[in-house]
C-alpha atoms as a PDB file:
ATOM      1  CA  UNK A   1       0.122  -0.010  -0.007  1.00  0.00           C
ATOM      2  CA  UNK A   2       1.110   3.676  -0.671  1.00  0.00           C
ATOM      3  CA  UNK A   3       2.635   5.574   2.233  1.00  0.00           C
ATOM      4  CA  UNK A   4      -0.098   8.550   1.595  1.00  0.00           C
ATOM      5  CA  UNK A   5       1.026  10.154   4.863  1.00  0.00           C
ATOM      6  CA  UNK A   6       4.455  10.710   3.675  1.00  0.00           C
ATOM      7  CA  UNK A   7       3.142  11.990   0.244  1.00  0.00           C
ATOM      8  CA  UNK A   8       0.918  14.287   1.632  1.00  0.00           C
ATOM      9  CA  UNK A   9       3.241  15.770   4.068  1.00  0.00           C
ATOM     10  CA  UNK A  10       5.643  16.127   1.105  1.00  0.00           C
ATOM     11  CA  UNK A  11       2.887  17.990  -0.897  1.00  0.00           C
ATOM     12  CA  UNK A  12       2.025  19.999   2.357  1.00  0.00           C
ATOM     13  CA  UNK A  13      -1.694  18.552   2.223  1.00  0.00           C
ATOM     14  CA  UNK A  14      -3.596  18.181   5.306  1.00  0.00           C
ATOM     15  CA  UNK A  15      -5.680  15.104   4.666  1.00  0.00           C
ATOM     16  CA  UNK A  16      -8.372  13.705   6.846  1.00  0.00           C
ATOM     17  CA  UNK A  17      -8.381  10.095   7.586  1.00  0.00           C
ATOM     18  CA  UNK A  18     -11.307   9.525   5.147  1.00  0.00           C
ATOM     19  CA  UNK A  19      -9.246  11.379   2.441  1.00  0.00           C
ATOM     20  CA  UNK A  20      -6.174   9.330   3.348  1.00  0.00           C
ATOM     21  CA  UNK A  21      -8.088   6.139   2.561  1.00  0.00           C
ATOM     22  CA  UNK A  22      -9.692   7.351  -0.472  1.00  0.00           C
ATOM     23  CA  UNK A  23      -6.378   8.991  -2.036  1.00  0.00           C
ATOM     24  CA  UNK A  24      -4.434   5.849  -1.025  1.00  0.00           C
ATOM     25  CA  UNK A  25      -6.614   3.578  -3.047  1.00  0.00           C
ATOM     26  CA  UNK A  26      -6.517   6.134  -6.155  1.00  0.00           C
ATOM     27  CA  UNK A  27      -2.974   6.466  -6.123  1.00  0.00           C
ATOM     28  CA  UNK A  28      -2.168   2.827  -5.997  1.00  0.00           C
ATOM     29  CA  UNK A  29      -4.521   2.329  -8.934  1.00  0.00           C
ATOM     30  CA  UNK A  30      -2.576   4.764 -10.949  1.00  0.00           C
ATOM     31  CA  UNK A  31       0.652   3.513  -9.943  1.00  0.00           C
ATOM     32  CA  UNK A  32      -0.556  -0.097 -10.957  1.00  0.00           C
ATOM     33  CA  UNK A  33      -1.460   1.229 -14.327  1.00  0.00           C
ATOM     34  CA  UNK A  34       2.084   2.699 -14.707  1.00  0.00           C
ATOM     35  CA  UNK A  35       3.562  -0.871 -14.036  1.00  0.00           C
ATOM     36  CA  UNK A  36       1.316  -2.154 -16.896  1.00  0.00           C
ATOM     37  CA  UNK A  37       2.817   0.588 -19.200  1.00  0.00           C
ATOM     38  CA  UNK A  38       6.366  -0.554 -18.248  1.00  0.00           C
ATOM     39  CA  UNK A  39       5.767  -3.901 -19.825  1.00  0.00           C
ATOM     40  CA  UNK A  40       5.214  -2.484 -23.364  1.00  0.00           C
ATOM     41  CA  UNK A  41       8.281  -3.028 -25.472  1.00  0.00           C
ATOM     42  CA  UNK A  42       9.390   0.404 -26.785  1.00  0.00           C
ATOM     43  CA  UNK A  43      12.824  -0.741 -28.103  1.00  0.00           C
ATOM     44  CA  UNK A  44      12.243   0.216 -31.785  1.00  0.00           C
ATOM     45  CA  UNK A  45      10.004   3.127 -31.263  1.00  0.00           C
ATOM     46  CA  UNK A  46      11.573   6.548 -31.881  1.00  0.00           C
ATOM     47  CA  UNK A  47      10.995   9.474 -29.446  1.00  0.00           C
ATOM     48  CA  UNK A  48       8.712  12.178 -30.881  1.00  0.00           C
ATOM     49  CA  UNK A  49       7.596  15.354 -29.413  1.00  0.00           C
ATOM     50  CA  UNK A  50       4.577  15.668 -31.767  1.00  0.00           C
ATOM     51  CA  UNK A  51       2.787  13.527 -33.929  1.00  0.00           C
ATOM     52  CA  UNK A  52       1.145  15.852 -36.670  1.00  0.00           C
ATOM     53  CA  UNK A  53       4.043  16.199 -38.798  1.00  0.00           C
ATOM     54  CA  UNK A  54       3.656  19.998 -38.937  1.00  0.00           C
ATOM     55  CA  UNK A  55       6.777  22.177 -38.868  1.00  0.00           C
ATOM     56  CA  UNK A  56       7.334  25.764 -38.013  1.00  0.00           C
ATOM     57  CA  UNK A  57       7.368  28.039 -41.098  1.00  0.00           C
ATOM     58  CA  UNK A  58       9.587  30.952 -40.597  1.00  0.00           C
ATOM     59  CA  UNK A  59      11.003  33.631 -42.825  1.00  0.00           C
ATOM     60  CA  UNK A  60      14.214  35.375 -42.917  1.00  0.00           C
ATOM     61  CA  UNK A  61      14.619  38.537 -40.974  1.00  0.00           C
ATOM     62  CA  UNK A  62      15.176  41.614 -43.293  1.00  0.00           C
ATOM     63  CA  UNK A  63      15.359  45.211 -42.354  1.00  0.00           C
ATOM     64  CA  UNK A  64      12.917  47.350 -44.623  1.00  0.00           C
ATOM     65  CA  UNK A  65      14.914  50.496 -44.324  1.00  0.00           C
ATOM     66  CA  UNK A  66      12.334  52.803 -45.538  1.00  0.00           C
ATOM     67  CA  UNK A  67       9.774  51.537 -43.153  1.00  0.00           C
ATOM     68  CA  UNK A  68      12.167  51.660 -40.351  1.00  0.00           C
ATOM     69  CA  UNK A  69      13.035  55.271 -41.256  1.00  0.00           C
ATOM     70  CA  UNK A  70       9.319  56.204 -41.297  1.00  0.00           C
ATOM     71  CA  UNK A  71       8.688  54.553 -38.026  1.00  0.00           C
ATOM     72  CA  UNK A  72      11.590  56.473 -36.522  1.00  0.00           C
ATOM     73  CA  UNK A  73      10.732  59.846 -37.919  1.00  0.00           C
ATOM     74  CA  UNK A  74       7.065  59.268 -36.621  1.00  0.00           C
ATOM     75  CA  UNK A  75       8.141  58.554 -33.141  1.00  0.00           C
ATOM     76  CA  UNK A  76      10.370  61.516 -33.055  1.00  0.00           C
ATOM     77  CA  UNK A  77       7.442  63.772 -34.478  1.00  0.00           C
ATOM     78  CA  UNK A  78       5.221  62.686 -31.543  1.00  0.00           C
ATOM     79  CA  UNK A  79       7.944  63.008 -28.632  1.00  0.00           C
ATOM     80  CA  UNK A  80       7.165  65.917 -26.428  1.00  0.00           C
ATOM     81  CA  UNK A  81      10.903  66.871 -26.283  1.00  0.00           C
ATOM     82  CA  UNK A  82      13.744  65.953 -28.659  1.00  0.00           C
ATOM     83  CA  UNK A  83      17.493  66.387 -28.579  1.00  0.00           C
ATOM     84  CA  UNK A  84      18.642  66.033 -32.158  1.00  0.00           C
ATOM     85  CA  UNK A  85      17.753  62.324 -33.239  1.00  0.00           C
ATOM     86  CA  UNK A  86      16.774  61.388 -29.581  1.00  0.00           C
ATOM     87  CA  UNK A  87      13.865  61.526 -27.507  1.00  0.00           C
ATOM     88  CA  UNK A  88      14.493  63.714 -24.300  1.00  0.00           C
ATOM     89  CA  UNK A  89      13.023  62.370 -20.997  1.00  0.00           C
ATOM     90  CA  UNK A  90      13.371  63.591 -17.277  1.00  0.00           C
ATOM     91  CA  UNK A  91      16.238  61.983 -15.185  1.00  0.00           C
ATOM     92  CA  UNK A  92      15.377  59.085 -13.374  1.00  0.00           C
ATOM     93  CA  UNK A  93      17.537  59.459 -10.647  1.00  0.00           C
END
């Protein structure tokens, strides 16, 4: 039988005697199932992270200089204070 008191202590759970009895049976059942899974032969099975065959589609990062320049200029136009090509802010310290 599973030592449910030790497990509940490790998990920092306060269980009543009725809960200890219930969870002990349930945990034993789960562990018995894992013992059954150990019997399955998986020697020739390749590990897999997913089974759909889908792959990530990525694109090469390219800088669009005109868009970047327009965004930069737009940000500077909306800044309350500017110092040449920079946004001027109050000192933090």
